[in-house]
Amino acid sequence: MTRMSLKQQAARALRGIVWRLERPPRSRRRQAAPPQDAGALIRTDSAPGRRTASWFFDQFPRFYWTSRTATTTARLNLRYEAIFGENRDIFAGASVLDLTSHDGRWSLAALATGARSVIGIEARPELVKAATENLARYGYQADRVSFVTGDVHQVLNTQDFEADVVLCLGFLYHTLRYNELLGGIRRTNARYLIVDTFSPYMMGPVPSVNVITEDADEEGKAAADTYTHGLSVLVGRPNLAAIQTMVGAYGYRIERLSDWAGLLRDNPDTEDCDDYANKKRITVRCVGARPPATQSSTGGWRSKGLASTAEQAR
């Protein structure tokens, strides 16, 4: 290695001095926002007995057997309370987009909780068929609910949707394509985003994504997409701090976590909810700032300068 001359060494030292003098003070440097305190996000106002389950799905028992994905009756009903029972205020009259809608269980729950309409997106055709049959069996026809078959990322980014509420339930840990997912959600101009997800490091203070692979042949795992190699799908499991960072990049903030402690307290015989009990799985309500927009005829919020395909064709 060539040795620097005294002149070169002096010039290098001078550049270092100038850089230190011109560098902004530490207090003015941009730093990542610290994660929101998880304790402040969890609802703690429930008195004993206030979170007793309504056993919602006993009215719709087809959902106990139309999916091969393992779920117990109690777990399904408590998830209804965490996702819908605690968020009734945002579903009244809302248009809802149900990502990875499975057999239609959450689409029906949204309608029964007051939603005006629901569109579901699901990659597996057999589940779309089951969802369509289930909703029709319980009196919900195409004027209220419809399902799109396809990879959720591709559908979100090639079709126009408007929604007041987006459901992302049991999907965030079946993908690594977060920019595509959140970019597509942001384009719906949804005011609210409900996420139900799992991470082995959920309450860790540092944003992290646990990366694993899943077998696309299993119904309860990630579906194959354009990036799949064989049957192996690369997926991630972001913790709460990472979710905060990701949704924040697309104009949302975490408003609160559902009160799973209260649900488990008031329904003590519930089995198969250890992941919620130990806070490795959570239900998150996110809210976004309204874009500069006027309310559309369908109830969604459209950014200025953007129009639907139908409007552009007029």
Protein backbone atom coordinates (compact mmCIF):
# COMPACT_ATOMS: atom_id res chain seq x y z
CA MET A 1 0.00 0.00 0.00
CA THR A 2 1.37 3.43 -0.97
CA ARG A 3 2.28 5.59 2.00
CA MET A 4 0.63 9.04 2.12
CA SER A 5 2.88 12.06 1.90
CA LEU A 6 2.93 14.64 4.71
CA LYS A 7 0.89 16.96 2.48
CA GLN A 8 -1.78 14.29 1.93
CA GLN A 9 -1.90 13.50 5.63
CA ALA A 10 -2.36 17.18 6.47
CA ALA A 11 -5.17 17.52 3.91
CA ARG A 12 -6.93 14.45 5.32
CA ALA A 13 -6.67 15.79 8.87
CA LEU A 14 -8.06 19.17 7.74
CA ARG A 15 -11.07 17.50 6.06
CA GLY A 16 -11.78 15.66 9.31
CA ILE A 17 -11.73 18.90 11.29
CA VAL A 18 -14.09 20.61 8.80
CA TRP A 19 -16.50 17.65 8.89
CA ARG A 20 -16.67 17.73 12.69
CA LEU A 21 -17.24 21.49 12.73
CA GLU A 22 -20.00 21.38 10.09
CA ARG A 23 -21.81 18.26 11.39
CA PRO A 24 -25.15 19.24 13.03
CA PRO A 25 -25.45 18.77 16.79
CA ARG A 26 -26.68 15.36 17.91
CA SER A 27 -30.01 16.85 18.98
CA ARG A 28 -30.68 18.01 15.40
CA ARG A 29 -29.87 14.72 13.69
CA ARG A 30 -32.82 12.68 12.49
CA GLN A 31 -33.38 9.63 14.64
CA ALA A 32 -35.88 6.82 14.36
CA ALA A 33 -38.91 7.30 16.56
CA PRO A 34 -38.80 5.01 19.57
CA PRO A 35 -41.44 2.26 19.62
CA GLN A 36 -44.71 3.17 21.27
CA ASP A 37 -44.97 1.84 24.80
CA ALA A 38 -46.91 -1.43 24.50
CA GLY A 39 -48.48 -0.90 27.91
CA ALA A 40 -49.97 2.42 26.81
CA LEU A 41 -51.53 0.78 23.75
CA ILE A 42 -53.31 -2.05 25.59
CA ARG A 43 -56.82 -1.31 26.78
CA THR A 44 -56.96 -1.58 30.57
CA ASP A 45 -60.38 -0.08 31.28
CA SER A 46 -62.36 -3.32 31.35
CA ALA A 47 -63.89 -4.30 34.66
CA PRO A 48 -64.18 -8.03 35.43
CA GLY A 49 -67.08 -9.51 33.48
CA ARG A 50 -67.04 -6.87 30.75
CA ARG A 51 -65.25 -9.07 28.21
CA THR A 52 -67.45 -12.15 28.36
CA ALA A 53 -67.68 -13.68 24.87
CA SER A 54 -70.95 -13.49 22.94
CA TRP A 55 -70.17 -16.78 21.12
CA PHE A 56 -70.85 -15.02 17.85
CA PHE A 57 -70.01 -17.97 15.59
CA ASP A 58 -72.60 -20.22 17.22
CA GLN A 59 -75.02 -18.35 14.94
CA PHE A 60 -72.92 -19.36 11.92
CA PRO A 61 -71.70 -22.92 12.66
CA ARG A 62 -70.60 -23.67 9.08
CA PHE A 63 -67.34 -21.89 9.88
CA TYR A 64 -66.52 -24.53 12.45
CA TRP A 65 -65.95 -27.08 9.68
CA THR A 66 -65.51 -25.39 6.25
CA SER A 67 -61.76 -24.91 6.71
CA ARG A 68 -59.00 -27.43 7.35
CA THR A 69 -57.05 -24.81 9.28
CA ALA A 70 -57.01 -25.90 12.89
CA THR A 71 -59.12 -23.71 15.14
CA THR A 72 -61.10 -24.37 18.28
CA THR A 73 -64.61 -23.05 18.76
CA ALA A 74 -63.59 -20.92 21.74
CA ARG A 75 -60.54 -19.44 19.99
CA LEU A 76 -62.58 -18.42 16.94
CA ASN A 77 -65.22 -16.73 19.11
CA LEU A 78 -62.66 -14.86 21.22
CA ARG A 79 -60.94 -13.64 18.08
CA TYR A 80 -64.29 -12.23 16.95
CA GLU A 81 -64.49 -10.24 20.21
CA ALA A 82 -60.93 -8.89 19.86
CA ILE A 83 -61.23 -7.98 16.18
CA PHE A 84 -64.86 -6.87 15.86
CA GLY A 85 -66.46 -6.63 19.30
CA GLU A 86 -63.90 -4.07 20.48
CA ASN A 87 -64.00 -2.14 17.19
CA ARG A 88 -67.72 -1.89 16.43
CA ASP A 89 -67.48 1.86 16.00
CA ILE A 90 -65.44 1.59 12.79
CA PHE A 91 -67.59 -1.04 11.06
CA ALA A 92 -70.98 0.72 11.07
CA GLY A 93 -71.76 1.48 7.42
CA ALA A 94 -68.17 0.81 6.36
CA SER A 95 -66.79 -0.65 3.15
CA VAL A 96 -64.32 -3.37 4.12
CA LEU A 97 -61.44 -5.06 2.30
CA ASP A 98 -60.66 -8.50 3.75
CA LEU A 99 -57.13 -9.61 2.81
CA THR A 100 -56.60 -13.38 2.54
CA SER A 101 -60.30 -13.88 3.29
CA HIS A 102 -60.02 -17.67 3.74
CA ASP A 103 -63.48 -19.29 4.01
CA GLY A 104 -65.25 -15.93 4.48
CA ARG A 105 -65.52 -16.07 8.28
CA TRP A 106 -64.21 -12.56 8.85
CA SER A 107 -66.05 -11.11 5.86
CA LEU A 108 -69.30 -12.35 7.36
CA ALA A 109 -68.29 -11.05 10.79
CA ALA A 110 -67.70 -7.59 9.31
CA LEU A 111 -71.13 -7.57 7.66
CA ALA A 112 -72.87 -8.83 10.79
CA THR A 113 -71.09 -6.12 12.82
CA GLY A 114 -72.52 -3.40 10.59
CA ALA A 115 -70.37 -3.14 7.46
CA ARG A 116 -72.18 -2.03 4.33
CA SER A 117 -70.09 -4.14 1.94
CA VAL A 118 -67.05 -6.43 1.88
CA ILE A 119 -64.57 -7.49 -0.79
CA GLY A 120 -62.36 -10.44 0.05
CA ILE A 121 -59.08 -11.41 -1.64
CA GLU A 122 -57.94 -15.03 -1.38
CA ALA A 123 -55.27 -16.99 -3.28
CA ARG A 124 -56.76 -20.48 -2.94
CA PRO A 125 -59.74 -21.12 -5.28
CA GLU A 126 -61.22 -23.80 -3.03
CA LEU A 127 -61.42 -21.30 -0.17
CA VAL A 128 -63.04 -18.68 -2.41
CA LYS A 129 -65.65 -21.28 -3.35
CA ALA A 130 -66.25 -22.11 0.32
CA ALA A 131 -66.50 -18.42 1.23
CA THR A 132 -69.03 -17.69 -1.53
CA GLU A 133 -71.17 -20.65 -0.45
CA ASN A 134 -70.93 -19.78 3.23
CA LEU A 135 -71.96 -16.17 2.77
CA ALA A 136 -74.82 -17.13 0.44
CA ARG A 137 -75.98 -19.75 2.95
CA TYR A 138 -76.32 -17.01 5.56
CA GLY A 139 -78.16 -14.61 3.27
CA TYR A 140 -75.37 -12.36 1.98
CA GLN A 141 -75.42 -12.01 -1.79
CA ALA A 142 -73.22 -10.35 -4.40
CA ASP A 143 -74.66 -6.90 -3.73
CA ARG A 144 -73.04 -6.98 -0.28
CA VAL A 145 -70.01 -9.25 -0.59
CA SER A 146 -67.71 -10.57 -3.31
CA PHE A 147 -64.43 -12.46 -3.46
CA VAL A 148 -61.43 -12.08 -5.76
CA THR A 149 -59.19 -15.07 -6.44
CA GLY A 150 -55.49 -14.24 -6.65
CA ASP A 151 -52.25 -13.37 -4.88
CA VAL A 152 -53.12 -10.55 -2.50
CA HIS A 153 -50.11 -8.43 -3.50
CA GLN A 154 -50.79 -8.72 -7.21
CA VAL A 155 -54.51 -8.06 -6.82
CA LEU A 156 -53.97 -5.05 -4.55
CA ASN A 157 -51.54 -3.48 -6.98
CA THR A 158 -53.36 -4.19 -10.25
CA GLN A 159 -56.96 -3.46 -9.26
CA ASP A 160 -58.54 -0.35 -7.77
CA PHE A 161 -60.18 -0.68 -4.37
CA GLU A 162 -61.64 1.84 -1.97
CA ALA A 163 -62.28 0.91 1.64
CA ASP A 164 -62.94 2.42 5.01
CA VAL A 165 -61.45 -0.56 6.85
CA VAL A 166 -58.82 -3.10 5.77
CA LEU A 167 -58.56 -6.45 7.57
CA CYS A 168 -55.13 -8.10 7.66
CA LEU A 169 -55.86 -11.07 9.89
CA GLY A 170 -53.41 -13.91 10.16
CA PHE A 171 -51.46 -12.83 7.09
CA LEU A 172 -48.61 -10.54 8.14
CA TYR A 173 -46.57 -13.60 9.16
CA HIS A 174 -47.21 -15.32 5.81
CA THR A 175 -45.32 -12.78 3.66
CA LEU A 176 -42.11 -10.77 3.38
CA ARG A 177 -43.47 -8.41 0.72
CA TYR A 178 -44.29 -5.61 3.13
CA ASN A 179 -43.77 -2.64 0.82
CA GLU A 180 -46.14 -4.13 -1.74
CA LEU A 181 -48.69 -5.00 0.93
CA LEU A 182 -48.70 -1.66 2.74
CA GLY A 183 -48.44 0.31 -0.48
CA GLY A 184 -51.55 -1.48 -1.75
CA ILE A 185 -53.38 -0.87 1.52
CA ARG A 186 -52.46 2.81 1.43
CA ARG A 187 -53.89 3.13 -2.08
CA THR A 188 -57.31 2.05 -0.81
CA ASN A 189 -57.34 5.23 1.31
CA ALA A 190 -58.65 3.15 4.21
CA ARG A 191 -59.05 5.09 7.42
CA TYR A 192 -58.54 1.99 9.59
CA LEU A 193 -56.35 -1.09 9.40
CA ILE A 194 -56.88 -4.07 11.72
CA VAL A 195 -53.94 -6.47 12.05
CA ASP A 196 -53.96 -9.78 13.90
CA THR A 197 -50.54 -11.40 13.86
CA PHE A 198 -47.86 -13.47 15.61
CA SER A 199 -44.16 -13.08 16.39
CA PRO A 200 -42.01 -15.06 18.83
CA TYR A 201 -40.42 -11.70 19.79
CA MET A 202 -43.61 -9.61 19.72
CA MET A 203 -42.92 -7.29 22.65
CA GLY A 204 -39.21 -6.84 22.03
CA PRO A 205 -38.10 -3.17 22.18
CA VAL A 206 -36.14 -3.28 18.90
CA PRO A 207 -37.93 -3.61 15.53
CA SER A 208 -37.26 -7.11 14.22
CA VAL A 209 -38.60 -9.58 11.66
CA ASN A 210 -38.16 -13.30 12.32
CA VAL A 211 -37.57 -14.87 8.87
CA ILE A 212 -38.60 -18.49 8.20
CA THR A 213 -39.89 -20.63 5.33
CA GLU A 214 -43.32 -22.23 4.96
CA ASP A 215 -44.67 -25.05 2.80
CA ALA A 216 -47.16 -23.73 0.24
CA ASP A 217 -48.93 -27.10 0.21
CA GLU A 218 -50.40 -26.49 3.66
CA GLU A 219 -53.69 -24.58 3.79
CA GLY A 220 -52.78 -22.69 6.96
CA LYS A 221 -49.43 -21.55 5.55
CA ALA A 222 -48.36 -19.03 2.89
CA ALA A 223 -49.70 -19.58 -0.62
CA ALA A 224 -47.25 -19.95 -3.50
CA ASP A 225 -46.49 -16.76 -5.42
CA THR A 226 -44.18 -15.59 -8.21
CA TYR A 227 -41.19 -15.71 -5.84
CA THR A 228 -41.78 -19.23 -4.58
CA HIS A 229 -38.99 -21.74 -5.18
CA GLY A 230 -40.54 -25.19 -5.33
CA LEU A 231 -42.96 -25.29 -2.41
CA SER A 232 -40.86 -23.15 -0.11
CA VAL A 233 -42.18 -19.65 0.63
CA LEU A 234 -39.99 -17.12 2.43
CA VAL A 235 -42.01 -15.29 5.11
CA GLY A 236 -41.40 -12.97 8.03
CA ARG A 237 -42.92 -12.46 11.46
CA PRO A 238 -42.53 -8.79 12.47
CA ASN A 239 -42.77 -7.80 16.11
CA LEU A 240 -44.83 -4.88 17.43
CA ALA A 241 -41.98 -2.36 17.11
CA ALA A 242 -41.44 -3.42 13.49
CA ILE A 243 -45.17 -3.17 12.75
CA GLN A 244 -45.15 0.35 14.16
CA THR A 245 -42.26 1.30 11.89
CA MET A 246 -43.82 -0.28 8.82
CA VAL A 247 -47.32 1.16 9.14
CA GLY A 248 -45.83 4.52 10.07
CA ALA A 249 -43.98 4.62 6.77
CA TYR A 250 -47.36 4.48 5.01
CA GLY A 251 -49.23 7.08 7.04
CA TYR A 252 -50.76 4.91 9.78
CA ARG A 253 -50.19 4.82 13.50
CA ILE A 254 -51.08 2.17 16.04
CA GLU A 255 -54.07 3.39 17.99
CA ARG A 256 -54.43 0.51 20.43
CA LEU A 257 -54.15 -3.21 21.06
CA SER A 258 -57.21 -5.31 21.83
CA ASP A 259 -57.75 -6.34 25.42
CA TRP A 260 -56.78 -10.00 25.24
CA ALA A 261 -55.96 -10.07 28.95
CA GLY A 262 -59.56 -9.09 29.72
CA LEU A 263 -60.96 -11.63 27.26
CA LEU A 264 -58.94 -14.44 28.77
CA ARG A 265 -59.80 -13.30 32.30
CA ASP A 266 -63.55 -13.32 31.64
CA ASN A 267 -63.52 -16.55 29.60
CA PRO A 268 -61.30 -18.76 31.74
CA ASP A 269 -62.24 -22.09 30.14
CA THR A 270 -60.98 -21.01 26.73
CA GLU A 271 -58.40 -23.38 25.30
CA ASP A 272 -55.76 -22.90 22.59
CA CYS A 273 -55.07 -19.19 23.26
CA ASP A 274 -51.61 -19.43 24.81
CA ASP A 275 -50.10 -17.25 22.06
CA TYR A 276 -52.45 -14.39 22.99
CA ALA A 277 -51.96 -15.00 26.72
CA ASN A 278 -48.18 -14.69 26.47
CA LYS A 279 -48.43 -11.67 24.12
CA LYS A 280 -46.75 -13.39 21.20
CA ARG A 281 -49.92 -12.83 19.20
CA ILE A 282 -51.81 -9.52 19.25
CA THR A 283 -54.71 -7.71 17.62
CA VAL A 284 -53.80 -4.17 16.54
CA ARG A 285 -56.00 -1.26 15.48
CA CYS A 286 -54.23 1.27 13.25
CA VAL A 287 -55.60 4.60 12.10
CA GLY A 288 -54.39 6.72 9.20
CA ALA A 289 -54.50 10.44 8.66
CA ARG A 290 -57.15 11.29 6.11
CA PRO A 291 -55.62 12.25 2.77
CA PRO A 292 -56.58 15.59 1.22
CA ALA A 293 -59.78 14.25 -0.28
CA THR A 294 -63.51 14.37 -0.57
CA GLN A 295 -65.66 11.48 0.44
CA SER A 296 -66.57 9.23 -2.49
CA SER A 297 -70.04 7.95 -3.23
CA THR A 298 -69.00 4.54 -1.93
CA GLY A 299 -67.89 5.92 1.40
CA GLY A 300 -64.13 5.61 0.89
CA TRP A 301 -61.68 8.49 0.83
CA ARG A 302 -59.99 9.33 -2.46
CA SER A 303 -56.85 11.44 -2.70
CA LYS A 304 -57.09 14.62 -4.75
CA GLY A 305 -55.98 14.11 -8.31
CA LEU A 306 -56.88 10.41 -8.30
CA ALA A 307 -60.03 8.98 -9.79
CA SER A 308 -61.44 5.54 -10.14
CA THR A 309 -61.22 3.70 -13.44
CA ALA A 310 -64.94 4.17 -13.94
CA GLU A 311 -64.68 7.94 -13.46
CA GLN A 312 -61.75 8.20 -15.85
CA ALA A 313 -63.82 6.45 -18.51
CA ARG A 314 -66.65 8.96 -18.26
